[in-house]
Amino acid sequence: MKDIVVPFLEHTGASLKNFSKGKAEVELHVQPYHLQHIGFVHGGVISTLMDNTGWYAAVSNLENGFTAVTMEIKINYLKPALGKYLVASASVKRQGRTTSFVTIELHDQGELIAYATGTYALIKED
């Protein structure tokens, strides 16, 4: 299995918590700079967290020399994120030769606040 670091994800303060075949979990300890104007976690932070978690799940199934890029992601924001600790969990539902379909859940202190589906293109690395 790959040992992968994503510089942008690290820049946000998020970190990979679990990474196994077909699954991934990323956590974020919310900081003031993650908030929007009325104190909720910004939707862009949530989107970034969920997309990267889905990507980790997709690449967890790949051999060395291959990676994935996001083709499409759809996020349903179910309620505002108010807590200090977010966990995104992703699971590959189907993977073919060229694409991987992943579902992602985001929990705020154990409560489901967003749900996403993502499609990732599987490509050979240069």
C-alpha atoms as a PDB file:
ATOM      1  CA  MET A   1       0.000   0.000   0.000  1.00  0.00           C
ATOM      2  CA  LYS A   2       1.172   3.499  -0.810  1.00  0.00           C
ATOM      3  CA  ASP A   3       2.500   6.015   1.697  1.00  0.00           C
ATOM      4  CA  ILE A   4       1.028   9.227   0.298  1.00  0.00           C
ATOM      5  CA  VAL A   5       1.325  12.802   1.482  1.00  0.00           C
ATOM      6  CA  VAL A   6      -0.968  15.477   0.052  1.00  0.00           C
ATOM      7  CA  PRO A   7       0.625  18.902   0.660  1.00  0.00           C
ATOM      8  CA  PHE A   8      -2.634  20.870   0.273  1.00  0.00           C
ATOM      9  CA  LEU A   9      -4.452  18.645   2.761  1.00  0.00           C
ATOM     10  CA  GLU A  10      -1.596  19.066   5.254  1.00  0.00           C
ATOM     11  CA  HIS A  11      -1.788  22.839   4.697  1.00  0.00           C
ATOM     12  CA  THR A  12      -5.418  22.781   5.896  1.00  0.00           C
ATOM     13  CA  GLY A  13      -4.359  21.064   9.116  1.00  0.00           C
ATOM     14  CA  ALA A  14      -6.103  17.788   8.292  1.00  0.00           C
ATOM     15  CA  SER A  15      -4.355  14.451   8.641  1.00  0.00           C
ATOM     16  CA  LEU A  16      -4.811  10.900   7.435  1.00  0.00           C
ATOM     17  CA  LYS A  17      -6.028   8.801  10.354  1.00  0.00           C
ATOM     18  CA  ASN A  18      -6.720   5.403   8.721  1.00  0.00           C
ATOM     19  CA  PHE A  19      -5.810   4.039   5.301  1.00  0.00           C
ATOM     20  CA  SER A  20      -6.641   0.474   4.261  1.00  0.00           C
ATOM     21  CA  LYS A  21      -7.742  -1.304   1.099  1.00  0.00           C
ATOM     22  CA  GLY A  22     -10.829   0.504  -0.180  1.00  0.00           C
ATOM     23  CA  LYS A  23     -11.173   2.750   2.866  1.00  0.00           C
ATOM     24  CA  ALA A  24      -9.776   5.940   4.317  1.00  0.00           C
ATOM     25  CA  GLU A  25     -10.377   8.257   7.246  1.00  0.00           C
ATOM     26  CA  VAL A  26      -9.143  11.853   7.574  1.00  0.00           C
ATOM     27  CA  GLU A  27      -9.513  14.051  10.647  1.00  0.00           C
ATOM     28  CA  LEU A  28      -9.438  17.781  11.208  1.00  0.00           C
ATOM     29  CA  HIS A  29      -9.158  19.681  14.468  1.00  0.00           C
ATOM     30  CA  VAL A  30     -11.098  22.849  13.635  1.00  0.00           C
ATOM     31  CA  GLN A  31      -9.235  26.137  14.009  1.00  0.00           C
ATOM     32  CA  PRO A  32     -10.594  29.711  13.806  1.00  0.00           C
ATOM     33  CA  TYR A  33      -9.298  30.045  10.228  1.00  0.00           C
ATOM     34  CA  HIS A  34     -11.577  27.155   9.147  1.00  0.00           C
ATOM     35  CA  LEU A  35     -14.718  29.159  10.000  1.00  0.00           C
ATOM     36  CA  GLN A  36     -16.943  31.272   7.816  1.00  0.00           C
ATOM     37  CA  HIS A  37     -18.449  34.647   8.808  1.00  0.00           C
ATOM     38  CA  ILE A  38     -21.034  33.363  11.317  1.00  0.00           C
ATOM     39  CA  GLY A  39     -18.871  30.744  13.000  1.00  0.00           C
ATOM     40  CA  PHE A  40     -19.650  27.510  11.137  1.00  0.00           C
ATOM     41  CA  VAL A  41     -16.930  25.465   9.430  1.00  0.00           C
ATOM     42  CA  HIS A  42     -16.615  26.854   5.898  1.00  0.00           C
ATOM     43  CA  GLY A  43     -18.153  24.732   3.130  1.00  0.00           C
ATOM     44  CA  GLY A  44     -14.869  24.831   1.220  1.00  0.00           C
ATOM     45  CA  VAL A  45     -13.087  23.212   4.166  1.00  0.00           C
ATOM     46  CA  ILE A  46     -15.739  20.482   4.273  1.00  0.00           C
ATOM     47  CA  SER A  47     -15.493  19.966   0.506  1.00  0.00           C
ATOM     48  CA  THR A  48     -11.702  19.724   0.620  1.00  0.00           C
ATOM     49  CA  LEU A  49     -11.797  17.267   3.511  1.00  0.00           C
ATOM     50  CA  MET A  50     -14.363  15.024   1.835  1.00  0.00           C
ATOM     51  CA  ASP A  51     -12.762  15.101  -1.622  1.00  0.00           C
ATOM     52  CA  ASN A  52      -9.328  14.217  -0.280  1.00  0.00           C
ATOM     53  CA  THR A  53     -10.735  11.417   1.880  1.00  0.00           C
ATOM     54  CA  GLY A  54     -12.508   9.951  -1.158  1.00  0.00           C
ATOM     55  CA  TRP A  55      -9.282  10.238  -3.148  1.00  0.00           C
ATOM     56  CA  TYR A  56      -7.341   8.356  -0.448  1.00  0.00           C
ATOM     57  CA  ALA A  57      -9.915   5.543  -0.538  1.00  0.00           C
ATOM     58  CA  ALA A  58      -9.667   5.353  -4.342  1.00  0.00           C
ATOM     59  CA  VAL A  59      -5.858   5.185  -4.422  1.00  0.00           C
ATOM     60  CA  SER A  60      -5.749   2.640  -1.615  1.00  0.00           C
ATOM     61  CA  ASN A  61      -6.753  -0.011  -4.162  1.00  0.00           C
ATOM     62  CA  LEU A  62      -4.137   0.919  -6.766  1.00  0.00           C
ATOM     63  CA  GLU A  63      -0.769  -0.602  -7.534  1.00  0.00           C
ATOM     64  CA  ASN A  64       2.386   1.508  -7.482  1.00  0.00           C
ATOM     65  CA  GLY A  65       2.651   3.651 -10.572  1.00  0.00           C
ATOM     66  CA  PHE A  66      -1.048   4.546 -10.609  1.00  0.00           C
ATOM     67  CA  THR A  67      -3.006   7.378  -9.014  1.00  0.00           C
ATOM     68  CA  ALA A  68      -6.446   8.973  -9.202  1.00  0.00           C
ATOM     69  CA  VAL A  69      -7.920  12.382  -9.941  1.00  0.00           C
ATOM     70  CA  THR A  70     -11.373  13.656  -9.104  1.00  0.00           C
ATOM     71  CA  MET A  71     -13.830  13.508 -11.994  1.00  0.00           C
ATOM     72  CA  GLU A  72     -16.919  14.494 -10.027  1.00  0.00           C
ATOM     73  CA  ILE A  73     -17.967  14.973  -6.428  1.00  0.00           C
ATOM     74  CA  LYS A  74     -21.437  15.736  -5.090  1.00  0.00           C
ATOM     75  CA  ILE A  75     -21.767  16.851  -1.490  1.00  0.00           C
ATOM     76  CA  ASN A  76     -24.973  17.066   0.518  1.00  0.00           C
ATOM     77  CA  TYR A  77     -24.511  19.434   3.459  1.00  0.00           C
ATOM     78  CA  LEU A  78     -26.966  18.106   6.033  1.00  0.00           C
ATOM     79  CA  LYS A  79     -26.340  20.580   8.849  1.00  0.00           C
ATOM     80  CA  PRO A  80     -23.730  23.140   9.928  1.00  0.00           C
ATOM     81  CA  ALA A  81     -20.462  21.933  11.415  1.00  0.00           C
ATOM     82  CA  LEU A  82     -20.131  23.526  14.848  1.00  0.00           C
ATOM     83  CA  GLY A  83     -17.656  21.306  16.652  1.00  0.00           C
ATOM     84  CA  LYS A  84     -13.911  21.296  17.068  1.00  0.00           C
ATOM     85  CA  TYR A  85     -13.229  17.852  15.610  1.00  0.00           C
ATOM     86  CA  LEU A  86     -14.326  16.541  12.188  1.00  0.00           C
ATOM     87  CA  VAL A  87     -13.802  13.032  10.802  1.00  0.00           C
ATOM     88  CA  ALA A  88     -14.373  12.090   7.161  1.00  0.00           C
ATOM     89  CA  SER A  89     -14.714   8.401   6.282  1.00  0.00           C
ATOM     90  CA  ALA A  90     -14.671   7.049   2.730  1.00  0.00           C
ATOM     91  CA  SER A  91     -15.362   3.674   1.207  1.00  0.00           C
ATOM     92  CA  VAL A  92     -14.952   2.447  -2.363  1.00  0.00           C
ATOM     93  CA  LYS A  93     -18.281   1.073  -3.565  1.00  0.00           C
ATOM     94  CA  ARG A  94     -17.123   0.014  -7.023  1.00  0.00           C
ATOM     95  CA  GLN A  95     -13.823   0.175  -8.795  1.00  0.00           C
ATOM     96  CA  GLY A  96     -13.271  -0.680 -12.425  1.00  0.00           C
ATOM     97  CA  ARG A  97     -10.306  -0.377 -14.763  1.00  0.00           C
ATOM     98  CA  THR A  98     -10.593   3.383 -15.257  1.00  0.00           C
ATOM     99  CA  THR A  99     -12.824   4.742 -12.485  1.00  0.00           C
ATOM    100  CA  SER A 100     -13.535   4.370  -8.805  1.00  0.00           C
ATOM    101  CA  PHE A 101     -16.890   5.253  -7.213  1.00  0.00           C
ATOM    102  CA  VAL A 102     -16.618   6.275  -3.552  1.00  0.00           C
ATOM    103  CA  THR A 103     -18.995   7.369  -0.799  1.00  0.00           C
ATOM    104  CA  ILE A 104     -17.832   9.756   1.919  1.00  0.00           C
ATOM    105  CA  GLU A 105     -19.408  10.683   5.258  1.00  0.00           C
ATOM    106  CA  LEU A 106     -18.369  13.616   7.438  1.00  0.00           C
ATOM    107  CA  HIS A 107     -19.033  13.539  11.165  1.00  0.00           C
ATOM    108  CA  ASP A 108     -18.817  16.442  13.612  1.00  0.00           C
ATOM    109  CA  GLN A 109     -18.148  14.999  17.046  1.00  0.00           C
ATOM    110  CA  GLY A 110     -19.886  11.771  16.011  1.00  0.00           C
ATOM    111  CA  GLU A 111     -22.901  13.372  14.257  1.00  0.00           C
ATOM    112  CA  LEU A 112     -23.357  13.034  10.475  1.00  0.00           C
ATOM    113  CA  ILE A 113     -23.233  16.510   8.918  1.00  0.00           C
ATOM    114  CA  ALA A 114     -22.428  15.845   5.247  1.00  0.00           C
ATOM    115  CA  TYR A 115     -22.606  12.984   2.763  1.00  0.00           C
ATOM    116  CA  ALA A 116     -20.876  12.806  -0.621  1.00  0.00           C
ATOM    117  CA  THR A 117     -20.382  10.596  -3.632  1.00  0.00           C
ATOM    118  CA  GLY A 118     -17.278  10.897  -5.737  1.00  0.00           C
ATOM    119  CA  THR A 119     -16.026   9.483  -8.997  1.00  0.00           C
ATOM    120  CA  TYR A 120     -12.264   9.316  -9.457  1.00  0.00           C
ATOM    121  CA  ALA A 121     -10.413   8.645 -12.727  1.00  0.00           C
ATOM    122  CA  LEU A 122      -7.654   6.060 -12.353  1.00  0.00           C
ATOM    123  CA  ILE A 123      -4.522   7.058 -14.247  1.00  0.00           C
ATOM    124  CA  LYS A 124      -0.926   5.985 -14.688  1.00  0.00           C
ATOM    125  CA  GLU A 125       1.572   8.289 -12.943  1.00  0.00           C
ATOM    126  CA  ASP A 126       4.310   9.881 -15.031  1.00  0.00           C
END
